[in-house]
Amino acid sequence: MVEVLRSNNPVVISFARSVLTDAKIDHSVADSLMGVIDGSINTVITRIMVDEGSYAEATELLTDAGVSSADF
């Protein structure tokens, strides 16, 4: 699995997951609950991971959907 997106914005993460799910790209979310441990101050960045073979397609879909490339 490789990282396709990182953000501490839950709206960006939710939107990206929706885009990937609609495209039937398997993905997982890493570190999504770490904010609870650190007091919800958003110091831990949530990451979306995809299979290496899906990386290019996932990146293109997220870019086309308007997710900032600065989040990649």
C-alpha atoms as a PDB file:
ATOM      1  CA  MET A   1       0.000   0.000   0.000  1.00  0.00           C
ATOM      2  CA  VAL A   2       1.172   3.503  -0.814  1.00  0.00           C
ATOM      3  CA  GLU A   3      -0.009   6.856   0.436  1.00  0.00           C
ATOM      4  CA  VAL A   4      -2.207   8.695  -2.040  1.00  0.00           C
ATOM      5  CA  LEU A   5      -3.390  11.512   0.229  1.00  0.00           C
ATOM      6  CA  ARG A   6      -2.602  13.046   3.581  1.00  0.00           C
ATOM      7  CA  SER A   7      -4.621  15.690   5.355  1.00  0.00           C
ATOM      8  CA  ASN A   8      -5.769  16.688   8.805  1.00  0.00           C
ATOM      9  CA  ASN A   9      -9.045  17.969   7.349  1.00  0.00           C
ATOM     10  CA  PRO A  10     -11.792  15.384   7.935  1.00  0.00           C
ATOM     11  CA  VAL A  11     -13.898  16.826   5.108  1.00  0.00           C
ATOM     12  CA  VAL A  12     -11.079  16.306   2.582  1.00  0.00           C
ATOM     13  CA  ILE A  13     -10.549  12.754   3.832  1.00  0.00           C
ATOM     14  CA  SER A  14     -14.272  11.961   3.651  1.00  0.00           C
ATOM     15  CA  PHE A  15     -14.585  13.408   0.145  1.00  0.00           C
ATOM     16  CA  ALA A  16     -11.508  11.554  -1.099  1.00  0.00           C
ATOM     17  CA  ARG A  17     -12.809   8.290   0.343  1.00  0.00           C
ATOM     18  CA  SER A  18     -16.115   8.848  -1.432  1.00  0.00           C
ATOM     19  CA  VAL A  19     -14.362   9.472  -4.762  1.00  0.00           C
ATOM     20  CA  LEU A  20     -12.252   6.328  -4.378  1.00  0.00           C
ATOM     21  CA  THR A  21     -15.216   4.221  -3.259  1.00  0.00           C
ATOM     22  CA  ASP A  22     -17.329   5.385  -6.220  1.00  0.00           C
ATOM     23  CA  ALA A  23     -14.466   4.403  -8.539  1.00  0.00           C
ATOM     24  CA  LYS A  24     -14.229   1.025  -6.797  1.00  0.00           C
ATOM     25  CA  ILE A  25     -10.608   1.613  -5.785  1.00  0.00           C
ATOM     26  CA  ASP A  26      -9.735  -0.325  -2.653  1.00  0.00           C
ATOM     27  CA  HIS A  27      -8.241   1.934  -0.017  1.00  0.00           C
ATOM     28  CA  SER A  28      -7.636   2.171   3.686  1.00  0.00           C
ATOM     29  CA  VAL A  29      -7.407   5.090   6.082  1.00  0.00           C
ATOM     30  CA  ALA A  30      -4.418   5.227   8.402  1.00  0.00           C
ATOM     31  CA  ASP A  31      -4.172   7.210  11.635  1.00  0.00           C
ATOM     32  CA  SER A  32      -7.809   8.353  11.565  1.00  0.00           C
ATOM     33  CA  LEU A  33      -8.294   7.789  15.286  1.00  0.00           C
ATOM     34  CA  MET A  34      -4.973   9.216  16.433  1.00  0.00           C
ATOM     35  CA  GLY A  35      -6.606  12.620  16.998  1.00  0.00           C
ATOM     36  CA  VAL A  36      -8.539  11.091  19.889  1.00  0.00           C
ATOM     37  CA  ILE A  37      -5.302  10.022  21.511  1.00  0.00           C
ATOM     38  CA  ASP A  38      -3.530  13.357  21.053  1.00  0.00           C
ATOM     39  CA  GLY A  39      -6.483  15.417  22.260  1.00  0.00           C
ATOM     40  CA  SER A  40      -8.046  16.207  18.882  1.00  0.00           C
ATOM     41  CA  ILE A  41      -5.584  18.973  18.080  1.00  0.00           C
ATOM     42  CA  ASN A  42      -4.923  17.642  14.574  1.00  0.00           C
ATOM     43  CA  THR A  43      -1.213  17.083  15.020  1.00  0.00           C
ATOM     44  CA  VAL A  44      -1.399  13.615  13.469  1.00  0.00           C
ATOM     45  CA  ILE A  45      -2.117  13.632   9.759  1.00  0.00           C
ATOM     46  CA  THR A  46      -4.657  11.119   8.432  1.00  0.00           C
ATOM     47  CA  ARG A  47      -3.495   9.205   5.365  1.00  0.00           C
ATOM     48  CA  ILE A  48      -5.365   7.366   2.634  1.00  0.00           C
ATOM     49  CA  MET A  49      -3.519   4.341   1.303  1.00  0.00           C
ATOM     50  CA  VAL A  50      -4.115   2.471  -1.976  1.00  0.00           C
ATOM     51  CA  ASP A  51      -2.487  -0.491  -3.703  1.00  0.00           C
ATOM     52  CA  GLU A  52       0.553   0.434  -5.785  1.00  0.00           C
ATOM     53  CA  GLY A  53      -1.254  -0.611  -8.946  1.00  0.00           C
ATOM     54  CA  SER A  54      -4.084   1.839  -8.230  1.00  0.00           C
ATOM     55  CA  TYR A  55      -1.894   4.803  -7.304  1.00  0.00           C
ATOM     56  CA  ALA A  56      -1.878   6.560 -10.697  1.00  0.00           C
ATOM     57  CA  GLU A  57      -5.633   6.154 -11.197  1.00  0.00           C
ATOM     58  CA  ALA A  58      -6.395   7.282  -7.636  1.00  0.00           C
ATOM     59  CA  THR A  59      -4.161  10.339  -7.950  1.00  0.00           C
ATOM     60  CA  GLU A  60      -5.764  11.305 -11.248  1.00  0.00           C
ATOM     61  CA  LEU A  61      -9.294  10.857  -9.882  1.00  0.00           C
ATOM     62  CA  LEU A  62      -8.583  12.934  -6.795  1.00  0.00           C
ATOM     63  CA  THR A  63      -6.957  15.681  -8.843  1.00  0.00           C
ATOM     64  CA  ASP A  64      -9.900  15.743 -11.262  1.00  0.00           C
ATOM     65  CA  ALA A  65     -12.278  15.918  -8.279  1.00  0.00           C
ATOM     66  CA  GLY A  66     -10.508  19.041  -7.028  1.00  0.00           C
ATOM     67  CA  VAL A  67      -8.503  17.658  -4.165  1.00  0.00           C
ATOM     68  CA  SER A  68      -5.455  19.902  -3.937  1.00  0.00           C
ATOM     69  CA  SER A  69      -2.241  18.330  -5.135  1.00  0.00           C
ATOM     70  CA  ALA A  70      -0.649  19.959  -2.079  1.00  0.00           C
ATOM     71  CA  ASP A  71      -2.451  17.252  -0.077  1.00  0.00           C
ATOM     72  CA  PHE A  72      -0.673  14.462  -2.012  1.00  0.00           C
END
